[in-house]
Amino acid sequence: MKTKSHWAMPVALFAVGLSAAGGLNLSATAVTNSTTDSSIQESQPSSIQPQGELLLAQGLVGQCRAVNQRIFVYAQRSTTSQTIRTLAPNETVTLADNGSAGWIAINAPATGYIQAQYLKPCTGANNPPPAQPSSLCRVVTYRGSEGLAIRSGPNKTGTRVGGIRLGDRVTLAKSPPDLTYDSDRRAWVQITAPVAGWISYGYPSSNSLNVGRCP
């Protein structure tokens, strides 16, 4: 008859306990690593996710975008803030910053904030505009609080297709520019960027201009 070791059972139980403890440690390690990875990802700055080929990166100020559905313009970066106006599907806006936390500022057709996920590239717009000769570059010198409207034609009744503010740059359609005058003797000039259209050049006869040469 074989004699069983008095140590066999305790050793076996110890091995099972050690194995179970090891499994718990491995599971805890896996959970800890997963949690750490998640925490790292969440702690990293979140980038605005583009829709289609829309890329919200550096240097967006003054660029054109269109909205892909009816949305609101808000006073702050929150859907609980005051609504300023409604944008219709395919209506264009002019970007006023580089975006933050899923929101981006606009300055035309109204000043406020919209959710970046509802933006798409403007049809036919140059985003970003190609390099142009310095002779075609102009900088906005107009100091009005609402900035300058970019319109579809050389008059103030033309459809607004964008907007620019003090310090923004535009690209003339040709240099020297061909000026078109309206009934008020206001001069209008055609531009190709940040969105194609016409802007008020000012009143050259009184040396009151809304744009100047780029430095």
N, C-alpha and C. Protein backbone atom coordinates (compact mmCIF):
# COMPACT_ATOMS: atom_id res chain seq x y z
N MET A 1 0.85 -1.19 0.00
CA MET A 1 0.00 0.00 0.00
C MET A 1 0.89 1.24 0.00
N LYS A 2 0.50 2.22 -0.87
CA LYS A 2 1.27 3.46 -0.96
C LYS A 2 0.88 4.40 0.16
N THR A 3 1.90 5.06 0.69
CA THR A 3 1.65 6.01 1.78
C THR A 3 1.57 7.41 1.21
N LYS A 4 0.48 8.07 1.45
CA LYS A 4 0.30 9.44 0.96
C LYS A 4 1.09 10.40 1.82
N SER A 5 1.72 11.34 1.15
CA SER A 5 2.49 12.35 1.88
C SER A 5 1.55 13.28 2.60
N HIS A 6 1.94 13.62 3.85
CA HIS A 6 1.14 14.57 4.61
C HIS A 6 1.18 15.96 3.99
N TRP A 7 2.16 16.19 3.13
CA TRP A 7 2.31 17.53 2.52
C TRP A 7 1.57 17.64 1.18
N ALA A 8 1.12 16.51 0.63
CA ALA A 8 0.53 16.53 -0.72
C ALA A 8 -0.67 17.45 -0.80
N MET A 9 -1.62 17.27 0.15
CA MET A 9 -2.84 18.08 0.10
C MET A 9 -2.56 19.56 0.33
N PRO A 10 -1.81 19.96 1.36
CA PRO A 10 -1.53 21.40 1.54
C PRO A 10 -0.80 22.01 0.37
N VAL A 11 0.15 21.23 -0.21
CA VAL A 11 0.89 21.77 -1.35
C VAL A 11 -0.05 21.97 -2.52
N ALA A 12 -0.92 21.01 -2.76
CA ALA A 12 -1.87 21.12 -3.87
C ALA A 12 -2.79 22.30 -3.67
N LEU A 13 -3.29 22.47 -2.45
CA LEU A 13 -4.17 23.59 -2.17
C LEU A 13 -3.43 24.91 -2.32
N PHE A 14 -2.17 24.93 -1.88
CA PHE A 14 -1.36 26.15 -2.03
C PHE A 14 -1.16 26.50 -3.50
N ALA A 15 -0.93 25.44 -4.33
CA ALA A 15 -0.73 25.66 -5.77
C ALA A 15 -1.98 26.23 -6.40
N VAL A 16 -3.12 25.64 -6.03
CA VAL A 16 -4.39 26.15 -6.58
C VAL A 16 -4.61 27.58 -6.15
N GLY A 17 -4.35 27.86 -4.86
CA GLY A 17 -4.52 29.23 -4.36
C GLY A 17 -3.60 30.20 -5.06
N LEU A 18 -2.35 29.74 -5.28
CA LEU A 18 -1.37 30.60 -5.97
C LEU A 18 -1.80 30.87 -7.39
N SER A 19 -2.30 29.80 -8.07
CA SER A 19 -2.78 29.96 -9.44
C SER A 19 -3.94 30.93 -9.51
N ALA A 20 -4.88 30.81 -8.56
CA ALA A 20 -6.04 31.71 -8.54
C ALA A 20 -5.60 33.12 -8.26
N ALA A 21 -4.65 33.25 -7.32
CA ALA A 21 -4.15 34.59 -7.00
C ALA A 21 -3.45 35.20 -8.19
N GLY A 22 -2.68 34.34 -8.91
CA GLY A 22 -2.00 34.83 -10.11
C GLY A 22 -2.97 35.30 -11.14
N GLY A 23 -4.07 34.52 -11.31
CA GLY A 23 -5.09 34.92 -12.27
C GLY A 23 -5.72 36.24 -11.91
N LEU A 24 -5.96 36.44 -10.63
CA LEU A 24 -6.54 37.70 -10.17
C LEU A 24 -5.59 38.85 -10.44
N ASN A 25 -4.30 38.60 -10.18
CA ASN A 25 -3.31 39.64 -10.42
C ASN A 25 -3.23 40.01 -11.88
N LEU A 26 -3.29 38.97 -12.75
CA LEU A 26 -3.23 39.22 -14.18
C LEU A 26 -4.45 40.01 -14.63
N SER A 27 -5.62 39.60 -14.10
CA SER A 27 -6.84 40.32 -14.48
C SER A 27 -6.78 41.75 -14.01
N ALA A 28 -6.32 41.94 -12.77
CA ALA A 28 -6.23 43.29 -12.23
C ALA A 28 -5.27 44.13 -13.04
N THR A 29 -4.15 43.48 -13.46
CA THR A 29 -3.17 44.20 -14.27
C THR A 29 -3.77 44.62 -15.60
N ALA A 30 -4.52 43.68 -16.20
CA ALA A 30 -5.14 43.99 -17.49
C ALA A 30 -6.11 45.14 -17.36
N VAL A 31 -6.92 45.11 -16.30
CA VAL A 31 -7.89 46.18 -16.09
C VAL A 31 -7.19 47.49 -15.85
N THR A 32 -6.10 47.42 -15.04
CA THR A 32 -5.35 48.65 -14.73
C THR A 32 -4.75 49.25 -15.98
N ASN A 33 -4.16 48.38 -16.84
CA ASN A 33 -3.56 48.88 -18.07
C ASN A 33 -4.61 49.50 -18.97
N SER A 34 -5.76 48.79 -19.08
CA SER A 34 -6.84 49.30 -19.91
C SER A 34 -7.32 50.64 -19.42
N THR A 35 -7.47 50.73 -18.08
CA THR A 35 -7.95 51.98 -17.49
C THR A 35 -6.94 53.10 -17.70
N THR A 36 -5.65 52.74 -17.56
CA THR A 36 -4.59 53.75 -17.75
C THR A 36 -4.58 54.27 -19.17
N ASP A 37 -4.68 53.29 -20.14
CA ASP A 37 -4.70 53.71 -21.54
C ASP A 37 -5.86 54.63 -21.81
N SER A 38 -7.03 54.28 -21.27
CA SER A 38 -8.23 55.10 -21.46
C SER A 38 -8.04 56.46 -20.85
N SER A 39 -7.43 56.48 -19.65
CA SER A 39 -7.23 57.76 -18.98
C SER A 39 -6.28 58.63 -19.77
N ILE A 40 -5.22 58.01 -20.34
CA ILE A 40 -4.27 58.78 -21.14
C ILE A 40 -4.95 59.37 -22.35
N GLN A 41 -5.78 58.51 -23.00
CA GLN A 41 -6.46 58.99 -24.19
C GLN A 41 -7.40 60.13 -23.86
N GLU A 42 -8.10 60.01 -22.72
CA GLU A 42 -9.05 61.05 -22.36
C GLU A 42 -8.35 62.31 -21.92
N SER A 43 -7.11 62.17 -21.40
CA SER A 43 -6.40 63.34 -20.92
C SER A 43 -5.76 64.11 -22.05
N GLN A 44 -5.60 63.45 -23.21
CA GLN A 44 -5.03 64.13 -24.35
C GLN A 44 -6.05 65.07 -24.95
N PRO A 45 -5.60 66.23 -25.52
CA PRO A 45 -6.54 67.18 -26.11
C PRO A 45 -7.33 66.51 -27.22
N SER A 46 -8.62 66.66 -27.20
CA SER A 46 -9.46 66.05 -28.23
C SER A 46 -9.47 66.93 -29.45
N SER A 47 -9.26 66.32 -30.62
CA SER A 47 -9.29 67.08 -31.86
C SER A 47 -10.68 67.05 -32.43
N ILE A 48 -11.02 68.07 -33.19
CA ILE A 48 -12.35 68.14 -33.79
C ILE A 48 -12.40 67.14 -34.94
N GLN A 49 -13.36 66.25 -34.91
CA GLN A 49 -13.47 65.26 -35.96
C GLN A 49 -14.13 65.87 -37.18
N PRO A 50 -13.45 65.84 -38.33
CA PRO A 50 -14.01 66.44 -39.53
C PRO A 50 -15.08 65.56 -40.14
N GLN A 51 -15.90 66.15 -40.95
CA GLN A 51 -16.90 65.41 -41.71
C GLN A 51 -16.47 65.44 -43.16
N GLY A 52 -16.42 64.26 -43.79
CA GLY A 52 -15.93 64.19 -45.15
C GLY A 52 -14.47 64.59 -45.20
N GLU A 53 -14.14 65.50 -46.07
CA GLU A 53 -12.77 65.93 -46.23
C GLU A 53 -12.49 67.22 -45.48
N LEU A 54 -13.44 67.66 -44.67
CA LEU A 54 -13.25 68.88 -43.90
C LEU A 54 -12.17 68.66 -42.87
N LEU A 55 -11.14 69.50 -42.85
CA LEU A 55 -10.06 69.36 -41.89
C LEU A 55 -9.98 70.62 -41.07
N LEU A 56 -10.24 70.49 -39.76
CA LEU A 56 -10.15 71.63 -38.86
C LEU A 56 -8.77 71.60 -38.24
N ALA A 57 -7.86 72.34 -38.80
CA ALA A 57 -6.49 72.40 -38.33
C ALA A 57 -6.11 73.84 -38.11
N GLN A 58 -4.81 74.12 -38.07
CA GLN A 58 -4.35 75.47 -37.84
C GLN A 58 -4.59 76.34 -39.08
N GLY A 59 -4.79 77.62 -38.87
CA GLY A 59 -4.89 78.57 -39.97
C GLY A 59 -6.24 78.60 -40.65
N LEU A 60 -7.33 78.46 -39.91
CA LEU A 60 -8.65 78.43 -40.53
C LEU A 60 -9.34 79.79 -40.60
N VAL A 61 -8.82 80.76 -39.88
CA VAL A 61 -9.49 82.06 -39.80
C VAL A 61 -9.65 82.65 -41.19
N GLY A 62 -10.89 83.05 -41.50
CA GLY A 62 -11.18 83.65 -42.80
C GLY A 62 -11.62 82.66 -43.85
N GLN A 63 -11.52 81.36 -43.58
CA GLN A 63 -11.91 80.37 -44.57
C GLN A 63 -13.43 80.18 -44.61
N CYS A 64 -13.87 79.66 -45.72
CA CYS A 64 -15.30 79.42 -45.95
C CYS A 64 -15.65 77.97 -45.66
N ARG A 65 -16.81 77.76 -45.04
CA ARG A 65 -17.40 76.43 -44.88
C ARG A 65 -18.90 76.56 -45.11
N ALA A 66 -19.52 75.44 -45.44
CA ALA A 66 -20.98 75.39 -45.60
C ALA A 66 -21.53 74.42 -44.56
N VAL A 67 -22.79 74.61 -44.19
CA VAL A 67 -23.41 73.70 -43.22
C VAL A 67 -24.19 72.63 -43.97
N ASN A 68 -24.17 71.42 -43.44
CA ASN A 68 -24.81 70.31 -44.16
C ASN A 68 -26.26 70.07 -43.75
N GLN A 69 -26.75 70.86 -42.78
CA GLN A 69 -28.16 70.77 -42.38
C GLN A 69 -28.52 72.05 -41.63
N ARG A 70 -29.78 72.19 -41.27
CA ARG A 70 -30.22 73.38 -40.54
C ARG A 70 -29.68 73.31 -39.11
N ILE A 71 -28.94 74.34 -38.71
CA ILE A 71 -28.35 74.38 -37.37
C ILE A 71 -28.49 75.80 -36.79
N PHE A 72 -28.19 75.92 -35.51
CA PHE A 72 -28.22 77.21 -34.83
C PHE A 72 -26.81 77.78 -34.68
N VAL A 73 -26.75 79.12 -34.64
CA VAL A 73 -25.55 79.82 -34.23
C VAL A 73 -25.77 80.21 -32.76
N TYR A 74 -24.84 79.83 -31.90
CA TYR A 74 -24.98 80.08 -30.47
C TYR A 74 -24.06 81.20 -30.00
N ALA A 75 -24.44 81.82 -28.89
CA ALA A 75 -23.65 82.91 -28.33
C ALA A 75 -22.38 82.39 -27.66
N GLN A 76 -22.41 81.16 -27.18
CA GLN A 76 -21.26 80.53 -26.53
C GLN A 76 -21.10 79.12 -27.08
N ARG A 77 -20.03 78.45 -26.68
CA ARG A 77 -19.77 77.08 -27.13
C ARG A 77 -20.61 76.08 -26.33
N SER A 78 -21.91 76.24 -26.39
CA SER A 78 -22.82 75.37 -25.65
C SER A 78 -24.21 75.45 -26.26
N THR A 79 -24.87 74.31 -26.34
CA THR A 79 -26.23 74.29 -26.88
C THR A 79 -27.24 74.88 -25.91
N THR A 80 -26.81 75.12 -24.68
CA THR A 80 -27.70 75.75 -23.70
C THR A 80 -27.57 77.27 -23.69
N SER A 81 -26.64 77.81 -24.47
CA SER A 81 -26.48 79.26 -24.53
C SER A 81 -27.51 79.86 -25.49
N GLN A 82 -27.56 81.17 -25.54
CA GLN A 82 -28.54 81.87 -26.38
C GLN A 82 -28.30 81.57 -27.86
N THR A 83 -29.37 81.34 -28.60
CA THR A 83 -29.26 81.16 -30.05
C THR A 83 -29.34 82.51 -30.74
N ILE A 84 -28.45 82.74 -31.67
CA ILE A 84 -28.37 84.02 -32.35
C ILE A 84 -29.18 84.02 -33.65
N ARG A 85 -29.07 82.93 -34.38
CA ARG A 85 -29.83 82.80 -35.61
C ARG A 85 -29.76 81.35 -36.10
N THR A 86 -30.53 81.06 -37.14
CA THR A 86 -30.55 79.73 -37.74
C THR A 86 -29.83 79.78 -39.08
N LEU A 87 -29.07 78.73 -39.38
CA LEU A 87 -28.42 78.60 -40.68
C LEU A 87 -29.15 77.54 -41.49
N ALA A 88 -29.44 77.86 -42.73
CA ALA A 88 -30.13 76.92 -43.60
C ALA A 88 -29.14 75.93 -44.20
N PRO A 89 -29.59 74.75 -44.62
CA PRO A 89 -28.70 73.78 -45.26
C PRO A 89 -27.96 74.41 -46.44
N ASN A 90 -26.65 74.16 -46.51
CA ASN A 90 -25.75 74.67 -47.55
C ASN A 90 -25.42 76.16 -47.43
N GLU A 91 -25.93 76.82 -46.38
CA GLU A 91 -25.55 78.22 -46.18
C GLU A 91 -24.08 78.28 -45.77
N THR A 92 -23.37 79.28 -46.26
CA THR A 92 -21.94 79.38 -46.00
C THR A 92 -21.66 80.27 -44.80
N VAL A 93 -20.54 79.98 -44.13
CA VAL A 93 -20.09 80.76 -42.98
C VAL A 93 -18.60 81.07 -43.16
N THR A 94 -18.13 82.09 -42.44
CA THR A 94 -16.72 82.42 -42.43
C THR A 94 -16.15 82.10 -41.06
N LEU A 95 -15.12 81.26 -41.03
CA LEU A 95 -14.54 80.81 -39.76
C LEU A 95 -13.74 81.93 -39.10
N ALA A 96 -13.85 81.99 -37.77
CA ALA A 96 -13.18 83.07 -37.03
C ALA A 96 -12.14 82.56 -36.03
N ASP A 97 -12.03 81.22 -35.86
CA ASP A 97 -10.94 80.67 -35.05
C ASP A 97 -10.64 79.27 -35.56
N ASN A 98 -9.77 78.54 -34.87
CA ASN A 98 -9.35 77.22 -35.33
C ASN A 98 -10.11 76.07 -34.67
N GLY A 99 -11.14 76.40 -33.89
CA GLY A 99 -11.97 75.36 -33.32
C GLY A 99 -11.48 74.88 -31.96
N SER A 100 -12.44 74.48 -31.11
CA SER A 100 -12.11 73.98 -29.78
C SER A 100 -13.28 73.16 -29.25
N ALA A 101 -12.96 71.95 -28.76
CA ALA A 101 -13.95 71.08 -28.12
C ALA A 101 -15.20 70.85 -28.97
N GLY A 102 -15.01 70.69 -30.27
CA GLY A 102 -16.14 70.41 -31.15
C GLY A 102 -16.90 71.63 -31.64
N TRP A 103 -16.45 72.82 -31.24
CA TRP A 103 -17.09 74.06 -31.65
C TRP A 103 -16.10 74.93 -32.40
N ILE A 104 -16.63 75.82 -33.25
CA ILE A 104 -15.78 76.76 -33.96
C ILE A 104 -16.51 78.09 -34.10
N ALA A 105 -15.75 79.17 -33.97
CA ALA A 105 -16.33 80.51 -34.05
C ALA A 105 -16.50 80.92 -35.51
N ILE A 106 -17.54 81.71 -35.78
CA ILE A 106 -17.74 82.28 -37.11
C ILE A 106 -17.99 83.78 -36.96
N ASN A 107 -17.73 84.53 -38.03
CA ASN A 107 -18.04 85.96 -38.00
C ASN A 107 -18.94 86.38 -39.15
N ALA A 108 -19.42 85.43 -39.92
CA ALA A 108 -20.38 85.72 -40.97
C ALA A 108 -21.12 84.42 -41.30
N PRO A 109 -22.42 84.50 -41.56
CA PRO A 109 -23.27 85.69 -41.65
C PRO A 109 -23.67 86.29 -40.31
N ALA A 110 -23.19 85.71 -39.22
CA ALA A 110 -23.42 86.25 -37.87
C ALA A 110 -22.21 85.90 -37.03
N THR A 111 -22.03 86.60 -35.93
CA THR A 111 -20.92 86.31 -35.03
C THR A 111 -21.41 85.39 -33.92
N GLY A 112 -20.74 84.25 -33.74
CA GLY A 112 -21.14 83.30 -32.73
C GLY A 112 -20.38 82.00 -32.88
N TYR A 113 -20.98 80.90 -32.41
CA TYR A 113 -20.33 79.59 -32.42
C TYR A 113 -21.27 78.54 -32.99
N ILE A 114 -20.70 77.61 -33.75
CA ILE A 114 -21.48 76.50 -34.30
C ILE A 114 -20.72 75.20 -34.06
N GLN A 115 -21.46 74.08 -34.15
CA GLN A 115 -20.84 72.78 -33.96
C GLN A 115 -20.13 72.36 -35.24
N ALA A 116 -18.85 72.06 -35.11
CA ALA A 116 -18.00 71.78 -36.27
C ALA A 116 -18.41 70.54 -37.05
N GLN A 117 -19.08 69.61 -36.39
CA GLN A 117 -19.45 68.36 -37.07
C GLN A 117 -20.45 68.58 -38.21
N TYR A 118 -21.10 69.73 -38.23
CA TYR A 118 -22.09 69.99 -39.27
C TYR A 118 -21.53 70.82 -40.43
N LEU A 119 -20.21 70.93 -40.50
CA LEU A 119 -19.59 71.73 -41.56
C LEU A 119 -19.06 70.86 -42.70
N LYS A 120 -19.01 71.43 -43.88
CA LYS A 120 -18.43 70.78 -45.04
C LYS A 120 -17.74 71.85 -45.88
N PRO A 121 -16.84 71.45 -46.79
CA PRO A 121 -16.15 72.45 -47.61
C PRO A 121 -17.12 73.25 -48.48
N CYS A 122 -16.80 74.49 -48.72
CA CYS A 122 -17.60 75.33 -49.62
C CYS A 122 -17.33 74.91 -51.05
N THR A 123 -18.37 74.82 -51.84
CA THR A 123 -18.22 74.47 -53.25
C THR A 123 -17.51 75.59 -54.00
N GLY A 124 -16.40 75.26 -54.63
CA GLY A 124 -15.68 76.24 -55.43
C GLY A 124 -14.80 77.19 -54.62
N ALA A 125 -14.78 77.04 -53.29
CA ALA A 125 -13.96 77.93 -52.47
C ALA A 125 -12.54 77.41 -52.39
N ASN A 126 -11.58 78.31 -52.24
CA ASN A 126 -10.19 77.95 -52.11
C ASN A 126 -9.86 77.82 -50.62
N ASN A 127 -9.74 76.59 -50.12
CA ASN A 127 -9.48 76.36 -48.71
C ASN A 127 -8.35 75.34 -48.53
N PRO A 128 -7.14 75.76 -48.18
CA PRO A 128 -6.71 77.14 -48.06
C PRO A 128 -6.44 77.75 -49.43
N PRO A 129 -6.44 79.07 -49.59
CA PRO A 129 -6.22 79.69 -50.88
C PRO A 129 -4.80 79.43 -51.36
N PRO A 130 -4.61 79.23 -52.66
CA PRO A 130 -3.27 79.03 -53.18
C PRO A 130 -2.46 80.30 -53.06
N ALA A 131 -1.16 80.13 -53.10
CA ALA A 131 -0.28 81.29 -53.01
C ALA A 131 -0.56 82.24 -54.17
N GLN A 132 -0.64 83.51 -53.89
CA GLN A 132 -0.93 84.52 -54.89
C GLN A 132 0.17 85.58 -54.88
N PRO A 133 0.38 86.23 -56.02
CA PRO A 133 1.34 87.35 -56.03
C PRO A 133 0.95 88.38 -54.98
N SER A 134 1.94 89.00 -54.37
CA SER A 134 1.67 89.98 -53.32
C SER A 134 0.81 91.13 -53.82
N SER A 135 0.84 91.39 -55.13
CA SER A 135 0.06 92.49 -55.68
C SER A 135 -1.44 92.23 -55.58
N LEU A 136 -1.83 90.95 -55.43
CA LEU A 136 -3.24 90.59 -55.33
C LEU A 136 -3.73 90.57 -53.88
N CYS A 137 -2.81 90.65 -52.94
CA CYS A 137 -3.18 90.54 -51.53
C CYS A 137 -3.59 91.90 -50.98
N ARG A 138 -4.70 91.89 -50.22
CA ARG A 138 -5.16 93.09 -49.53
C ARG A 138 -5.55 92.70 -48.10
N VAL A 139 -5.39 93.62 -47.16
CA VAL A 139 -5.76 93.39 -45.77
C VAL A 139 -6.88 94.36 -45.40
N VAL A 140 -7.85 93.87 -44.65
CA VAL A 140 -9.00 94.69 -44.28
C VAL A 140 -8.58 95.76 -43.27
N THR A 141 -8.89 97.01 -43.59
CA THR A 141 -8.61 98.13 -42.68
C THR A 141 -9.90 98.72 -42.12
N TYR A 142 -11.03 98.24 -42.60
CA TYR A 142 -12.34 98.71 -42.13
C TYR A 142 -12.55 98.29 -40.68
N ARG A 143 -12.95 99.22 -39.82
CA ARG A 143 -13.05 98.95 -38.39
C ARG A 143 -14.49 98.77 -37.89
N GLY A 144 -15.44 98.66 -38.77
CA GLY A 144 -16.82 98.47 -38.34
C GLY A 144 -16.99 97.19 -37.54
N SER A 145 -17.88 97.20 -36.56
CA SER A 145 -18.06 96.06 -35.66
C SER A 145 -18.58 94.82 -36.38
N GLU A 146 -19.28 95.00 -37.48
CA GLU A 146 -19.84 93.87 -38.21
C GLU A 146 -18.95 93.43 -39.37
N GLY A 147 -17.83 94.12 -39.57
CA GLY A 147 -16.93 93.74 -40.65
C GLY A 147 -17.50 94.07 -42.02
N LEU A 148 -16.87 93.50 -43.04
CA LEU A 148 -17.31 93.70 -44.42
C LEU A 148 -18.00 92.44 -44.93
N ALA A 149 -19.10 92.64 -45.62
CA ALA A 149 -19.80 91.50 -46.23
C ALA A 149 -19.16 91.17 -47.56
N ILE A 150 -19.08 89.89 -47.86
CA ILE A 150 -18.70 89.43 -49.19
C ILE A 150 -19.99 89.09 -49.90
N ARG A 151 -20.25 89.76 -51.02
CA ARG A 151 -21.54 89.60 -51.71
C ARG A 151 -21.36 88.99 -53.09
N SER A 152 -22.47 88.49 -53.61
CA SER A 152 -22.44 87.81 -54.90
C SER A 152 -22.28 88.78 -56.07
N GLY A 153 -22.57 90.06 -55.84
CA GLY A 153 -22.43 91.06 -56.89
C GLY A 153 -21.93 92.38 -56.34
N PRO A 154 -21.59 93.33 -57.21
CA PRO A 154 -21.00 94.60 -56.79
C PRO A 154 -22.03 95.63 -56.29
N ASN A 155 -22.81 95.23 -55.30
CA ASN A 155 -23.77 96.16 -54.70
C ASN A 155 -24.22 95.60 -53.37
N LYS A 156 -24.79 96.45 -52.53
CA LYS A 156 -25.16 96.03 -51.18
C LYS A 156 -26.41 95.17 -51.14
N THR A 157 -27.08 95.01 -52.27
CA THR A 157 -28.26 94.14 -52.33
C THR A 157 -27.91 92.73 -52.78
N GLY A 158 -26.64 92.51 -53.13
CA GLY A 158 -26.23 91.17 -53.54
C GLY A 158 -26.30 90.18 -52.38
N THR A 159 -26.48 88.91 -52.70
CA THR A 159 -26.56 87.87 -51.67
C THR A 159 -25.26 87.79 -50.90
N ARG A 160 -25.35 87.75 -49.59
CA ARG A 160 -24.15 87.64 -48.75
C ARG A 160 -23.63 86.21 -48.80
N VAL A 161 -22.36 86.05 -49.19
CA VAL A 161 -21.77 84.72 -49.30
C VAL A 161 -20.64 84.52 -48.28
N GLY A 162 -20.34 85.54 -47.50
CA GLY A 162 -19.27 85.43 -46.52
C GLY A 162 -19.05 86.75 -45.83
N GLY A 163 -18.00 86.83 -45.05
CA GLY A 163 -17.70 88.07 -44.35
C GLY A 163 -16.25 88.11 -43.90
N ILE A 164 -15.71 89.30 -43.72
CA ILE A 164 -14.33 89.49 -43.28
C ILE A 164 -14.30 90.63 -42.27
N ARG A 165 -13.24 90.63 -41.45
CA ARG A 165 -13.11 91.64 -40.40
C ARG A 165 -11.74 92.30 -40.46
N LEU A 166 -11.57 93.29 -39.62
CA LEU A 166 -10.31 94.03 -39.52
C LEU A 166 -9.14 93.06 -39.37
N GLY A 167 -8.15 93.21 -40.26
CA GLY A 167 -6.96 92.36 -40.20
C GLY A 167 -7.01 91.13 -41.07
N ASP A 168 -8.21 90.74 -41.54
CA ASP A 168 -8.31 89.58 -42.43
C ASP A 168 -7.71 89.92 -43.80
N ARG A 169 -7.25 88.90 -44.50
CA ARG A 169 -6.68 89.11 -45.83
C ARG A 169 -7.62 88.58 -46.91
N VAL A 170 -7.60 89.25 -48.04
CA VAL A 170 -8.39 88.83 -49.19
C VAL A 170 -7.47 88.80 -50.41
N THR A 171 -7.91 88.08 -51.43
CA THR A 171 -7.16 88.01 -52.68
C THR A 171 -7.98 88.62 -53.80
N LEU A 172 -7.43 89.65 -54.43
CA LEU A 172 -8.14 90.31 -55.53
C LEU A 172 -8.21 89.39 -56.74
N ALA A 173 -9.23 89.58 -57.54
CA ALA A 173 -9.37 88.81 -58.77
C ALA A 173 -8.31 89.22 -59.80
N LYS A 174 -7.90 90.49 -59.77
CA LYS A 174 -6.85 90.96 -60.68
C LYS A 174 -6.18 92.20 -60.10
N SER A 175 -5.00 92.47 -60.56
CA SER A 175 -4.25 93.65 -60.10
C SER A 175 -3.65 94.36 -61.32
N PRO A 176 -3.85 95.71 -61.39
CA PRO A 176 -4.62 96.52 -60.45
C PRO A 176 -6.11 96.15 -60.51
N PRO A 177 -6.84 96.39 -59.43
CA PRO A 177 -8.24 95.96 -59.39
C PRO A 177 -9.13 96.80 -60.29
N ASP A 178 -10.13 96.15 -60.88
CA ASP A 178 -11.17 96.86 -61.62
C ASP A 178 -12.27 97.23 -60.63
N LEU A 179 -12.51 98.51 -60.45
CA LEU A 179 -13.52 98.96 -59.50
C LEU A 179 -14.85 99.18 -60.20
N THR A 180 -15.92 98.74 -59.55
CA THR A 180 -17.28 98.95 -60.04
C THR A 180 -18.01 99.82 -59.02
N TYR A 181 -18.69 100.86 -59.51
CA TYR A 181 -19.35 101.82 -58.61
C TYR A 181 -20.86 101.60 -58.60
N ASP A 182 -21.44 101.74 -57.41
CA ASP A 182 -22.89 101.64 -57.31
C ASP A 182 -23.50 103.04 -57.34
N SER A 183 -24.81 103.12 -57.12
CA SER A 183 -25.51 104.40 -57.21
C SER A 183 -25.07 105.39 -56.13
N ASP A 184 -24.47 104.89 -55.06
CA ASP A 184 -23.98 105.77 -53.99
C ASP A 184 -22.53 106.17 -54.20
N ARG A 185 -21.98 105.80 -55.36
CA ARG A 185 -20.58 106.08 -55.69
C ARG A 185 -19.62 105.30 -54.80
N ARG A 186 -20.12 104.24 -54.22
CA ARG A 186 -19.24 103.34 -53.47
C ARG A 186 -18.58 102.39 -54.45
N ALA A 187 -17.29 102.16 -54.27
CA ALA A 187 -16.54 101.27 -55.16
C ALA A 187 -16.60 99.83 -54.64
N TRP A 188 -16.73 98.89 -55.56
CA TRP A 188 -16.73 97.48 -55.22
C TRP A 188 -15.62 96.79 -56.00
N VAL A 189 -15.02 95.76 -55.38
CA VAL A 189 -13.92 95.06 -56.05
C VAL A 189 -14.17 93.55 -55.92
N GLN A 190 -13.81 92.83 -56.96
CA GLN A 190 -14.01 91.38 -56.96
C GLN A 190 -12.83 90.68 -56.30
N ILE A 191 -13.13 89.65 -55.47
CA ILE A 191 -12.09 88.87 -54.82
C ILE A 191 -12.29 87.38 -55.11
N THR A 192 -11.23 86.60 -54.89
CA THR A 192 -11.31 85.15 -55.11
C THR A 192 -11.15 84.36 -53.80
N ALA A 193 -10.70 85.02 -52.74
CA ALA A 193 -10.51 84.35 -51.44
C ALA A 193 -10.64 85.39 -50.33
N PRO A 194 -11.15 85.00 -49.14
CA PRO A 194 -11.39 83.63 -48.67
C PRO A 194 -12.56 82.92 -49.31
N VAL A 195 -13.41 83.66 -50.02
CA VAL A 195 -14.47 83.06 -50.80
C VAL A 195 -14.73 84.02 -51.97
N ALA A 196 -15.05 83.48 -53.13
CA ALA A 196 -15.26 84.31 -54.30
C ALA A 196 -16.47 85.21 -54.13
N GLY A 197 -16.33 86.47 -54.53
CA GLY A 197 -17.43 87.42 -54.42
C GLY A 197 -16.94 88.84 -54.58
N TRP A 198 -17.70 89.79 -54.05
CA TRP A 198 -17.39 91.21 -54.15
C TRP A 198 -17.42 91.83 -52.76
N ILE A 199 -16.50 92.78 -52.52
CA ILE A 199 -16.51 93.52 -51.26
C ILE A 199 -16.50 95.02 -51.55
N SER A 200 -16.97 95.77 -50.58
CA SER A 200 -16.93 97.23 -50.71
C SER A 200 -15.49 97.71 -50.56
N TYR A 201 -15.01 98.37 -51.60
CA TYR A 201 -13.64 98.87 -51.59
C TYR A 201 -13.54 100.20 -50.86
N GLY A 202 -14.69 100.88 -50.74
CA GLY A 202 -14.73 102.17 -50.08
C GLY A 202 -15.03 103.29 -51.06
N TYR A 203 -14.53 104.50 -50.73
CA TYR A 203 -14.76 105.68 -51.57
C TYR A 203 -13.41 106.27 -51.99
N PRO A 204 -12.86 105.77 -53.10
CA PRO A 204 -11.54 106.24 -53.54
C PRO A 204 -11.47 107.75 -53.74
N SER A 205 -12.58 108.38 -54.15
CA SER A 205 -12.55 109.82 -54.41
C SER A 205 -12.23 110.63 -53.16
N SER A 206 -12.60 110.09 -52.00
CA SER A 206 -12.31 110.78 -50.73
C SER A 206 -11.18 110.09 -49.97
N ASN A 207 -10.49 109.18 -50.66
CA ASN A 207 -9.37 108.43 -50.06
C ASN A 207 -9.80 107.66 -48.81
N SER A 208 -11.05 107.18 -48.82
CA SER A 208 -11.57 106.38 -47.72
C SER A 208 -11.73 104.94 -48.22
N LEU A 209 -10.73 104.10 -47.92
CA LEU A 209 -10.71 102.74 -48.43
C LEU A 209 -10.91 101.74 -47.29
N ASN A 210 -11.51 100.61 -47.64
CA ASN A 210 -11.76 99.57 -46.64
C ASN A 210 -10.67 98.51 -46.58
N VAL A 211 -9.76 98.51 -47.55
CA VAL A 211 -8.65 97.56 -47.58
C VAL A 211 -7.37 98.29 -47.96
N GLY A 212 -6.26 97.71 -47.58
CA GLY A 212 -4.96 98.25 -47.93
C GLY A 212 -4.03 97.13 -48.38
N ARG A 213 -2.87 97.47 -48.86
CA ARG A 213 -1.91 96.46 -49.32
C ARG A 213 -1.40 95.64 -48.15
N CYS A 214 -1.15 94.37 -48.40
CA CYS A 214 -0.62 93.50 -47.37
C CYS A 214 0.85 93.87 -47.07
N PRO A 215 1.25 93.81 -45.79
CA PRO A 215 2.63 94.16 -45.44
C PRO A 215 3.60 93.14 -45.99
